[in-house]
Amino acid sequence: MKEKLDKINKELKIYINESSFISMKCRNKLLEYFAEEFQLDLDIDNYKNVDLSITEDFKFIYREDTYSSKESIEGINEVLERYQRFKEKADKLLEKTEIDFKKKGKWNEISNLFMICLIFLIGLFIILLGIRALLVGSYFDALWLLVIIIPNIIPGLRESFRNRLIQAKNYLKKNKKK
């Protein structure tokens, strides 16, 4: 019996860690499933750390507080049966909300290419504003652009553009090899 409870408690920690990695909402939903299966009134809130385990007398320790099931648990077989139902719900939840890093990475690379174009257009727009101001004879606007706007915007844009360009170059090289 003790071995089975230890195994369940280890699996509970794994489930809580996986769901916490996805989101706080996912973790809270997982805890709701557990409370529902074992008939508990858990204080589910956005706590930073959550620990959940089952003791040998079939009580539940959650955040260092002890909880009892509303319906008395007769034995280890009932715990295993309830835990199995919880496990099925938890697996469905984690499978549904699992993060697909490949898809997310591809989306990030595409948005990076879009941002490169946008930064390039902003730089081009600023240059055209300066040229227009000089051609029209609005030297105050050209001076304002040269002294105020360019020193404040261009260093950030230049560094961002350089970093994004390196990322895009690596992405395009990687795709070219495929």
N, C-alpha and C. Protein backbone atom coordinates (compact mmCIF):
# COMPACT_ATOMS: atom_id res chain seq x y z
N MET A 1 0.84 -1.20 0.00
CA MET A 1 0.00 0.00 0.00
C MET A 1 0.88 1.26 0.00
N LYS A 2 1.90 1.25 0.84
CA LYS A 2 2.78 2.43 0.93
C LYS A 2 3.47 2.70 -0.40
N GLU A 3 3.87 1.64 -1.10
CA GLU A 3 4.53 1.82 -2.40
C GLU A 3 3.59 2.45 -3.41
N LYS A 4 2.33 2.01 -3.38
CA LYS A 4 1.35 2.56 -4.32
C LYS A 4 1.09 4.03 -4.03
N LEU A 5 0.98 4.38 -2.74
CA LEU A 5 0.77 5.79 -2.38
C LEU A 5 1.99 6.64 -2.74
N ASP A 6 3.19 6.10 -2.53
CA ASP A 6 4.40 6.84 -2.92
C ASP A 6 4.43 7.10 -4.42
N LYS A 7 4.04 6.08 -5.19
CA LYS A 7 4.00 6.23 -6.65
C LYS A 7 2.97 7.29 -7.05
N ILE A 8 1.80 7.26 -6.43
CA ILE A 8 0.75 8.26 -6.72
C ILE A 8 1.25 9.65 -6.37
N ASN A 9 1.89 9.79 -5.20
CA ASN A 9 2.38 11.11 -4.77
C ASN A 9 3.46 11.65 -5.72
N LYS A 10 4.33 10.76 -6.23
CA LYS A 10 5.34 11.20 -7.20
C LYS A 10 4.67 11.65 -8.49
N GLU A 11 3.68 10.88 -8.95
CA GLU A 11 2.97 11.25 -10.17
C GLU A 11 2.21 12.57 -9.99
N LEU A 12 1.64 12.78 -8.80
CA LEU A 12 0.95 14.05 -8.54
C LEU A 12 1.91 15.23 -8.66
N LYS A 13 3.12 15.08 -8.13
CA LYS A 13 4.11 16.15 -8.24
C LYS A 13 4.45 16.43 -9.70
N ILE A 14 4.57 15.34 -10.48
CA ILE A 14 4.88 15.51 -11.90
C ILE A 14 3.75 16.23 -12.61
N TYR A 15 2.51 15.82 -12.33
CA TYR A 15 1.35 16.48 -12.96
C TYR A 15 1.30 17.96 -12.59
N ILE A 16 1.54 18.28 -11.34
CA ILE A 16 1.49 19.68 -10.89
C ILE A 16 2.60 20.48 -11.55
N ASN A 17 3.80 19.90 -11.65
CA ASN A 17 4.91 20.62 -12.28
C ASN A 17 4.65 20.86 -13.77
N GLU A 18 4.16 19.84 -14.47
CA GLU A 18 3.86 19.99 -15.90
C GLU A 18 2.80 21.05 -16.13
N SER A 19 1.74 21.00 -15.33
CA SER A 19 0.66 21.98 -15.52
C SER A 19 1.11 23.37 -15.13
N SER A 20 1.96 23.49 -14.11
CA SER A 20 2.48 24.80 -13.71
C SER A 20 3.35 25.39 -14.81
N PHE A 21 4.08 24.52 -15.52
CA PHE A 21 4.92 24.98 -16.62
C PHE A 21 4.07 25.58 -17.72
N ILE A 22 2.90 24.98 -17.97
CA ILE A 22 2.02 25.48 -19.03
C ILE A 22 1.41 26.81 -18.61
N SER A 23 0.71 26.82 -17.47
CA SER A 23 0.15 28.08 -16.97
C SER A 23 -0.45 27.86 -15.59
N MET A 24 -0.68 28.95 -14.90
CA MET A 24 -1.31 28.90 -13.59
C MET A 24 -2.76 28.42 -13.72
N LYS A 25 -3.41 28.83 -14.79
CA LYS A 25 -4.79 28.43 -15.03
C LYS A 25 -4.88 26.92 -15.24
N CYS A 26 -3.94 26.36 -15.97
CA CYS A 26 -3.91 24.92 -16.21
C CYS A 26 -3.68 24.17 -14.90
N ARG A 27 -2.77 24.66 -14.08
CA ARG A 27 -2.51 24.02 -12.78
C ARG A 27 -3.74 24.06 -11.90
N ASN A 28 -4.42 25.20 -11.87
CA ASN A 28 -5.63 25.31 -11.04
C ASN A 28 -6.73 24.38 -11.54
N LYS A 29 -6.84 24.23 -12.85
CA LYS A 29 -7.83 23.31 -13.42
C LYS A 29 -7.50 21.87 -13.02
N LEU A 30 -6.22 21.53 -13.05
CA LEU A 30 -5.79 20.20 -12.63
C LEU A 30 -6.15 19.95 -11.16
N LEU A 31 -5.92 20.93 -10.32
CA LEU A 31 -6.27 20.80 -8.90
C LEU A 31 -7.78 20.69 -8.71
N GLU A 32 -8.55 21.38 -9.54
CA GLU A 32 -10.01 21.25 -9.48
C GLU A 32 -10.44 19.83 -9.83
N TYR A 33 -9.81 19.25 -10.84
CA TYR A 33 -10.11 17.86 -11.20
C TYR A 33 -9.82 16.92 -10.02
N PHE A 34 -8.70 17.14 -9.36
CA PHE A 34 -8.34 16.30 -8.22
C PHE A 34 -9.35 16.47 -7.09
N ALA A 35 -9.69 17.71 -6.79
CA ALA A 35 -10.66 17.98 -5.72
C ALA A 35 -12.02 17.38 -6.05
N GLU A 36 -12.39 17.42 -7.31
CA GLU A 36 -13.67 16.86 -7.74
C GLU A 36 -13.70 15.34 -7.58
N GLU A 37 -12.64 14.67 -7.98
CA GLU A 37 -12.60 13.20 -7.89
C GLU A 37 -12.55 12.71 -6.46
N PHE A 38 -11.82 13.42 -5.61
CA PHE A 38 -11.66 12.96 -4.24
C PHE A 38 -12.58 13.70 -3.26
N GLN A 39 -13.52 14.49 -3.79
CA GLN A 39 -14.50 15.19 -2.96
C GLN A 39 -13.83 16.03 -1.87
N LEU A 40 -12.99 16.97 -2.29
CA LEU A 40 -12.25 17.83 -1.36
C LEU A 40 -12.63 19.29 -1.58
N ASP A 41 -12.47 20.07 -0.55
CA ASP A 41 -12.64 21.53 -0.64
C ASP A 41 -11.27 22.19 -0.56
N LEU A 42 -10.52 22.08 -1.63
CA LEU A 42 -9.18 22.67 -1.66
C LEU A 42 -9.26 24.16 -1.89
N ASP A 43 -8.36 24.89 -1.26
CA ASP A 43 -8.25 26.34 -1.45
C ASP A 43 -7.39 26.58 -2.69
N ILE A 44 -8.06 26.53 -3.85
CA ILE A 44 -7.32 26.68 -5.12
C ILE A 44 -7.21 28.17 -5.44
N ASP A 45 -5.99 28.64 -5.42
CA ASP A 45 -5.73 30.05 -5.72
C ASP A 45 -4.40 30.10 -6.46
N ASN A 46 -3.99 31.25 -6.88
CA ASN A 46 -2.75 31.39 -7.65
C ASN A 46 -1.54 31.43 -6.72
N TYR A 47 -1.36 30.38 -5.93
CA TYR A 47 -0.19 30.27 -5.08
C TYR A 47 1.03 29.96 -5.93
N LYS A 48 2.16 30.45 -5.49
CA LYS A 48 3.38 30.21 -6.27
C LYS A 48 3.77 28.73 -6.21
N ASN A 49 3.79 28.17 -5.02
CA ASN A 49 4.17 26.77 -4.85
C ASN A 49 2.99 25.98 -4.31
N VAL A 50 2.76 24.82 -4.90
CA VAL A 50 1.67 23.96 -4.48
C VAL A 50 2.22 22.55 -4.36
N ASP A 51 1.91 21.91 -3.25
CA ASP A 51 2.31 20.53 -3.05
C ASP A 51 1.06 19.76 -2.63
N LEU A 52 0.87 18.58 -3.20
CA LEU A 52 -0.31 17.78 -2.94
C LEU A 52 0.12 16.34 -2.76
N SER A 53 -0.35 15.71 -1.68
CA SER A 53 -0.01 14.30 -1.47
C SER A 53 -1.12 13.61 -0.68
N ILE A 54 -1.10 12.28 -0.76
CA ILE A 54 -2.08 11.45 -0.06
C ILE A 54 -1.34 10.71 1.05
N THR A 55 -1.89 10.75 2.26
CA THR A 55 -1.26 10.06 3.38
C THR A 55 -1.77 8.63 3.48
N GLU A 56 -1.16 7.85 4.39
CA GLU A 56 -1.53 6.44 4.54
C GLU A 56 -2.92 6.26 5.12
N ASP A 57 -3.43 7.26 5.83
CA ASP A 57 -4.79 7.16 6.37
C ASP A 57 -5.81 7.82 5.43
N PHE A 58 -5.42 8.00 4.17
CA PHE A 58 -6.26 8.52 3.08
C PHE A 58 -6.75 9.94 3.35
N LYS A 59 -5.89 10.72 3.94
CA LYS A 59 -6.12 12.16 4.07
C LYS A 59 -5.20 12.83 3.06
N PHE A 60 -5.46 14.08 2.78
CA PHE A 60 -4.74 14.77 1.72
C PHE A 60 -4.03 15.98 2.30
N ILE A 61 -2.76 16.11 1.97
CA ILE A 61 -1.98 17.26 2.41
C ILE A 61 -1.81 18.18 1.21
N TYR A 62 -2.34 19.40 1.37
CA TYR A 62 -2.28 20.41 0.31
C TYR A 62 -1.79 21.69 0.94
N ARG A 63 -0.64 22.16 0.51
CA ARG A 63 -0.02 23.38 1.04
C ARG A 63 0.10 23.30 2.56
N GLU A 64 0.55 22.16 3.06
CA GLU A 64 0.80 21.90 4.48
C GLU A 64 -0.47 21.89 5.32
N ASP A 65 -1.64 21.87 4.71
CA ASP A 65 -2.90 21.71 5.42
C ASP A 65 -3.44 20.32 5.12
N THR A 66 -4.14 19.75 6.10
CA THR A 66 -4.70 18.41 5.92
C THR A 66 -6.17 18.51 5.60
N TYR A 67 -6.59 17.77 4.56
CA TYR A 67 -7.97 17.75 4.11
C TYR A 67 -8.48 16.32 4.15
N SER A 68 -9.79 16.18 4.39
CA SER A 68 -10.43 14.88 4.35
C SER A 68 -11.49 14.89 3.27
N SER A 69 -11.70 13.73 2.68
CA SER A 69 -12.71 13.60 1.64
C SER A 69 -14.10 13.70 2.26
N LYS A 70 -15.05 14.29 1.54
CA LYS A 70 -16.44 14.39 2.02
C LYS A 70 -17.05 13.00 2.14
N GLU A 71 -16.69 12.13 1.19
CA GLU A 71 -17.12 10.74 1.24
C GLU A 71 -15.95 9.93 1.78
N SER A 72 -16.19 9.08 2.77
CA SER A 72 -15.09 8.32 3.35
C SER A 72 -14.52 7.36 2.32
N ILE A 73 -13.21 7.22 2.34
CA ILE A 73 -12.52 6.34 1.42
C ILE A 73 -12.28 5.02 2.15
N GLU A 74 -12.74 3.94 1.56
CA GLU A 74 -12.72 2.63 2.21
C GLU A 74 -11.36 1.95 2.17
N GLY A 75 -10.63 2.12 1.08
CA GLY A 75 -9.34 1.44 1.00
C GLY A 75 -8.52 1.92 -0.17
N ILE A 76 -7.38 1.27 -0.34
CA ILE A 76 -6.45 1.66 -1.40
C ILE A 76 -7.05 1.46 -2.78
N ASN A 77 -7.92 0.46 -2.92
CA ASN A 77 -8.54 0.22 -4.23
C ASN A 77 -9.41 1.40 -4.65
N GLU A 78 -10.13 1.97 -3.71
CA GLU A 78 -10.97 3.15 -4.03
C GLU A 78 -10.09 4.34 -4.38
N VAL A 79 -8.97 4.51 -3.68
CA VAL A 79 -8.03 5.59 -3.99
C VAL A 79 -7.49 5.40 -5.40
N LEU A 80 -7.10 4.17 -5.73
CA LEU A 80 -6.57 3.89 -7.06
C LEU A 80 -7.61 4.15 -8.14
N GLU A 81 -8.86 3.78 -7.87
CA GLU A 81 -9.93 3.99 -8.85
C GLU A 81 -10.18 5.48 -9.08
N ARG A 82 -10.26 6.24 -8.00
CA ARG A 82 -10.47 7.69 -8.12
C ARG A 82 -9.27 8.35 -8.79
N TYR A 83 -8.08 7.89 -8.40
CA TYR A 83 -6.87 8.46 -8.98
C TYR A 83 -6.80 8.18 -10.47
N GLN A 84 -7.23 7.01 -10.89
CA GLN A 84 -7.23 6.66 -12.31
C GLN A 84 -8.15 7.60 -13.09
N ARG A 85 -9.33 7.90 -12.53
CA ARG A 85 -10.25 8.83 -13.20
C ARG A 85 -9.64 10.23 -13.28
N PHE A 86 -8.99 10.64 -12.17
CA PHE A 86 -8.30 11.94 -12.18
C PHE A 86 -7.20 11.96 -13.23
N LYS A 87 -6.44 10.88 -13.31
CA LYS A 87 -5.31 10.78 -14.23
C LYS A 87 -5.78 10.92 -15.68
N GLU A 88 -6.90 10.30 -16.01
CA GLU A 88 -7.44 10.40 -17.38
C GLU A 88 -7.80 11.85 -17.71
N LYS A 89 -8.47 12.52 -16.77
CA LYS A 89 -8.83 13.93 -16.99
C LYS A 89 -7.57 14.79 -17.10
N ALA A 90 -6.59 14.53 -16.23
CA ALA A 90 -5.36 15.33 -16.23
C ALA A 90 -4.58 15.13 -17.53
N ASP A 91 -4.53 13.89 -18.01
CA ASP A 91 -3.83 13.64 -19.27
C ASP A 91 -4.49 14.37 -20.43
N LYS A 92 -5.82 14.36 -20.46
CA LYS A 92 -6.54 15.08 -21.52
C LYS A 92 -6.24 16.58 -21.44
N LEU A 93 -6.26 17.11 -20.23
CA LEU A 93 -5.99 18.54 -20.04
C LEU A 93 -4.58 18.90 -20.50
N LEU A 94 -3.60 18.12 -20.08
CA LEU A 94 -2.22 18.43 -20.44
C LEU A 94 -1.97 18.23 -21.93
N GLU A 95 -2.61 17.23 -22.51
CA GLU A 95 -2.46 17.01 -23.94
C GLU A 95 -3.07 18.15 -24.74
N LYS A 96 -4.21 18.64 -24.27
CA LYS A 96 -4.91 19.72 -24.97
C LYS A 96 -4.13 21.03 -24.88
N THR A 97 -3.52 21.31 -23.74
CA THR A 97 -2.87 22.60 -23.53
C THR A 97 -1.36 22.54 -23.69
N GLU A 98 -0.85 21.41 -24.18
CA GLU A 98 0.59 21.27 -24.36
C GLU A 98 1.11 22.30 -25.37
N ILE A 99 2.25 22.85 -25.09
CA ILE A 99 2.84 23.87 -25.94
C ILE A 99 3.63 23.19 -27.05
N ASP A 100 3.37 23.56 -28.28
CA ASP A 100 4.09 23.02 -29.42
C ASP A 100 5.20 24.03 -29.77
N PHE A 101 6.41 23.70 -29.33
CA PHE A 101 7.51 24.64 -29.50
C PHE A 101 7.92 24.81 -30.96
N LYS A 102 7.78 23.76 -31.77
CA LYS A 102 8.16 23.88 -33.18
C LYS A 102 7.24 24.85 -33.89
N LYS A 103 5.94 24.72 -33.64
CA LYS A 103 4.97 25.61 -34.28
C LYS A 103 5.16 27.04 -33.77
N LYS A 104 5.36 27.17 -32.46
CA LYS A 104 5.56 28.48 -31.87
C LYS A 104 6.85 29.12 -32.39
N GLY A 105 7.90 28.32 -32.53
CA GLY A 105 9.18 28.82 -33.04
C GLY A 105 9.06 29.31 -34.47
N LYS A 106 8.31 28.57 -35.29
CA LYS A 106 8.13 28.99 -36.68
C LYS A 106 7.36 30.30 -36.74
N TRP A 107 6.33 30.43 -35.91
CA TRP A 107 5.56 31.68 -35.85
C TRP A 107 6.46 32.84 -35.41
N ASN A 108 7.33 32.60 -34.44
CA ASN A 108 8.25 33.65 -33.98
C ASN A 108 9.20 34.07 -35.09
N GLU A 109 9.67 33.12 -35.88
CA GLU A 109 10.58 33.46 -36.97
C GLU A 109 9.87 34.28 -38.05
N ILE A 110 8.63 33.93 -38.35
CA ILE A 110 7.87 34.69 -39.36
C ILE A 110 7.58 36.10 -38.86
N SER A 111 7.21 36.21 -37.58
CA SER A 111 6.96 37.55 -37.03
C SER A 111 8.25 38.36 -36.97
N ASN A 112 9.39 37.67 -36.78
CA ASN A 112 10.68 38.35 -36.79
C ASN A 112 10.96 38.96 -38.17
N LEU A 113 10.68 38.21 -39.23
CA LEU A 113 10.85 38.74 -40.59
C LEU A 113 9.96 39.95 -40.83
N PHE A 114 8.73 39.88 -40.33
CA PHE A 114 7.81 41.01 -40.44
C PHE A 114 8.35 42.23 -39.70
N MET A 115 8.90 42.02 -38.51
CA MET A 115 9.43 43.13 -37.72
C MET A 115 10.65 43.76 -38.40
N ILE A 116 11.45 42.95 -39.08
CA ILE A 116 12.59 43.49 -39.82
C ILE A 116 12.10 44.46 -40.89
N CYS A 117 11.08 44.05 -41.61
CA CYS A 117 10.51 44.92 -42.65
C CYS A 117 9.96 46.20 -42.03
N LEU A 118 9.29 46.07 -40.90
CA LEU A 118 8.70 47.23 -40.23
C LEU A 118 9.79 48.20 -39.74
N ILE A 119 10.83 47.68 -39.13
CA ILE A 119 11.93 48.53 -38.66
C ILE A 119 12.61 49.22 -39.83
N PHE A 120 12.81 48.49 -40.92
CA PHE A 120 13.41 49.07 -42.12
C PHE A 120 12.55 50.21 -42.65
N LEU A 121 11.23 50.02 -42.69
CA LEU A 121 10.32 51.06 -43.17
C LEU A 121 10.31 52.28 -42.26
N ILE A 122 10.40 52.07 -40.95
CA ILE A 122 10.45 53.19 -40.01
C ILE A 122 11.73 54.00 -40.24
N GLY A 123 12.86 53.31 -40.39
CA GLY A 123 14.12 54.00 -40.67
C GLY A 123 14.07 54.77 -41.97
N LEU A 124 13.51 54.15 -42.99
CA LEU A 124 13.37 54.81 -44.29
C LEU A 124 12.45 56.04 -44.17
N PHE A 125 11.37 55.92 -43.41
CA PHE A 125 10.44 57.03 -43.20
C PHE A 125 11.14 58.20 -42.51
N ILE A 126 11.95 57.91 -41.50
CA ILE A 126 12.67 58.98 -40.80
C ILE A 126 13.66 59.67 -41.74
N ILE A 127 14.35 58.91 -42.55
CA ILE A 127 15.30 59.50 -43.51
C ILE A 127 14.56 60.38 -44.52
N LEU A 128 13.43 59.89 -45.03
CA LEU A 128 12.65 60.67 -45.99
C LEU A 128 12.11 61.95 -45.35
N LEU A 129 11.71 61.89 -44.08
CA LEU A 129 11.26 63.10 -43.39
C LEU A 129 12.39 64.13 -43.31
N GLY A 130 13.60 63.66 -43.00
CA GLY A 130 14.74 64.57 -42.92
C GLY A 130 15.06 65.19 -44.27
N ILE A 131 15.05 64.38 -45.33
CA ILE A 131 15.33 64.90 -46.68
C ILE A 131 14.25 65.89 -47.09
N ARG A 132 13.00 65.56 -46.82
CA ARG A 132 11.88 66.45 -47.18
C ARG A 132 12.01 67.79 -46.45
N ALA A 133 12.35 67.72 -45.16
CA ALA A 133 12.48 68.95 -44.37
C ALA A 133 13.61 69.83 -44.94
N LEU A 134 14.69 69.24 -45.36
CA LEU A 134 15.79 70.01 -45.95
C LEU A 134 15.40 70.61 -47.31
N LEU A 135 14.70 69.82 -48.13
CA LEU A 135 14.31 70.31 -49.46
C LEU A 135 13.27 71.42 -49.38
N VAL A 136 12.36 71.33 -48.42
CA VAL A 136 11.31 72.34 -48.28
C VAL A 136 11.88 73.61 -47.65
N GLY A 137 12.99 73.48 -46.95
CA GLY A 137 13.59 74.65 -46.33
C GLY A 137 13.18 74.80 -44.88
N SER A 138 12.61 73.76 -44.32
CA SER A 138 12.20 73.78 -42.92
C SER A 138 13.38 73.26 -42.08
N TYR A 139 14.35 74.14 -41.87
CA TYR A 139 15.57 73.74 -41.19
C TYR A 139 15.33 73.43 -39.72
N PHE A 140 14.34 74.08 -39.11
CA PHE A 140 14.02 73.81 -37.71
C PHE A 140 13.53 72.37 -37.56
N ASP A 141 12.66 71.90 -38.49
CA ASP A 141 12.18 70.52 -38.45
C ASP A 141 13.32 69.53 -38.69
N ALA A 142 14.20 69.86 -39.60
CA ALA A 142 15.34 68.99 -39.88
C ALA A 142 16.26 68.92 -38.67
N LEU A 143 16.50 70.08 -38.02
CA LEU A 143 17.34 70.13 -36.83
C LEU A 143 16.70 69.34 -35.68
N TRP A 144 15.37 69.50 -35.52
CA TRP A 144 14.63 68.77 -34.48
C TRP A 144 14.72 67.26 -34.73
N LEU A 145 14.59 66.87 -35.97
CA LEU A 145 14.69 65.46 -36.34
C LEU A 145 16.10 64.95 -36.06
N LEU A 146 17.10 65.74 -36.41
CA LEU A 146 18.49 65.34 -36.26
C LEU A 146 18.92 65.31 -34.79
N VAL A 147 18.48 66.25 -33.98
CA VAL A 147 18.93 66.35 -32.59
C VAL A 147 18.06 65.54 -31.62
N ILE A 148 16.76 65.51 -31.83
CA ILE A 148 15.85 64.88 -30.86
C ILE A 148 15.44 63.47 -31.28
N ILE A 149 14.89 63.32 -32.46
CA ILE A 149 14.28 62.05 -32.88
C ILE A 149 15.33 60.97 -33.17
N ILE A 150 16.27 61.25 -34.02
CA ILE A 150 17.23 60.23 -34.45
C ILE A 150 18.06 59.68 -33.27
N PRO A 151 18.62 60.52 -32.39
CA PRO A 151 19.40 59.94 -31.27
C PRO A 151 18.54 59.08 -30.32
N ASN A 152 17.27 59.39 -30.21
CA ASN A 152 16.43 58.62 -29.29
C ASN A 152 15.87 57.34 -29.92
N ILE A 153 15.60 57.36 -31.19
CA ILE A 153 14.96 56.20 -31.84
C ILE A 153 15.97 55.29 -32.51
N ILE A 154 16.89 55.84 -33.24
CA ILE A 154 17.79 55.04 -34.07
C ILE A 154 18.66 54.07 -33.26
N PRO A 155 19.26 54.44 -32.12
CA PRO A 155 20.09 53.45 -31.41
C PRO A 155 19.29 52.19 -31.03
N GLY A 156 18.09 52.38 -30.54
CA GLY A 156 17.24 51.23 -30.21
C GLY A 156 16.84 50.45 -31.44
N LEU A 157 16.50 51.16 -32.50
CA LEU A 157 16.12 50.50 -33.75
C LEU A 157 17.31 49.78 -34.38
N ARG A 158 18.47 50.41 -34.31
CA ARG A 158 19.65 49.82 -34.91
C ARG A 158 20.00 48.50 -34.22
N GLU A 159 20.00 48.50 -32.89
CA GLU A 159 20.34 47.29 -32.15
C GLU A 159 19.28 46.20 -32.35
N SER A 160 18.04 46.60 -32.30
CA SER A 160 16.95 45.65 -32.53
C SER A 160 17.01 45.09 -33.94
N PHE A 161 17.27 45.95 -34.90
CA PHE A 161 17.36 45.53 -36.30
C PHE A 161 18.52 44.56 -36.49
N ARG A 162 19.65 44.85 -35.87
CA ARG A 162 20.83 43.98 -35.99
C ARG A 162 20.54 42.59 -35.39
N ASN A 163 19.94 42.55 -34.20
CA ASN A 163 19.62 41.26 -33.56
C ASN A 163 18.61 40.47 -34.38
N ARG A 164 17.60 41.14 -34.83
CA ARG A 164 16.56 40.46 -35.63
C ARG A 164 17.12 39.98 -36.97
N LEU A 165 18.02 40.76 -37.55
CA LEU A 165 18.63 40.37 -38.81
C LEU A 165 19.47 39.10 -38.64
N ILE A 166 20.18 39.00 -37.55
CA ILE A 166 20.97 37.79 -37.27
C ILE A 166 20.04 36.58 -37.10
N GLN A 167 18.94 36.76 -36.36
CA GLN A 167 17.98 35.67 -36.19
C GLN A 167 17.38 35.25 -37.52
N ALA A 168 17.01 36.22 -38.33
CA ALA A 168 16.40 35.91 -39.63
C ALA A 168 17.41 35.20 -40.54
N LYS A 169 18.66 35.64 -40.51
CA LYS A 169 19.70 35.02 -41.33
C LYS A 169 19.88 33.55 -40.92
N ASN A 170 19.90 33.29 -39.61
CA ASN A 170 20.03 31.91 -39.13
C ASN A 170 18.82 31.07 -39.52
N TYR A 171 17.64 31.66 -39.45
CA TYR A 171 16.41 30.95 -39.82
C TYR A 171 16.42 30.60 -41.31
N LEU A 172 16.81 31.56 -42.13
CA LEU A 172 16.84 31.31 -43.58
C LEU A 172 17.91 30.29 -43.95
N LYS A 173 19.07 30.31 -43.26
CA LYS A 173 20.09 29.30 -43.52
C LYS A 173 19.58 27.92 -43.14
N LYS A 174 18.90 27.84 -42.00
CA LYS A 174 18.37 26.55 -41.54
C LYS A 174 17.34 26.01 -42.51
N ASN A 175 16.47 26.87 -43.04
CA ASN A 175 15.46 26.45 -44.01
C ASN A 175 16.09 26.08 -45.35
N LYS A 176 17.17 26.75 -45.71
CA LYS A 176 17.84 26.47 -46.97
C LYS A 176 18.47 25.08 -46.94
N LYS A 177 18.99 24.67 -45.78
CA LYS A 177 19.59 23.34 -45.64
C LYS A 177 18.55 22.24 -45.76
N LYS A 178 17.33 22.51 -45.33
CA LYS A 178 16.25 21.51 -45.42
C LYS A 178 15.86 21.35 -46.83
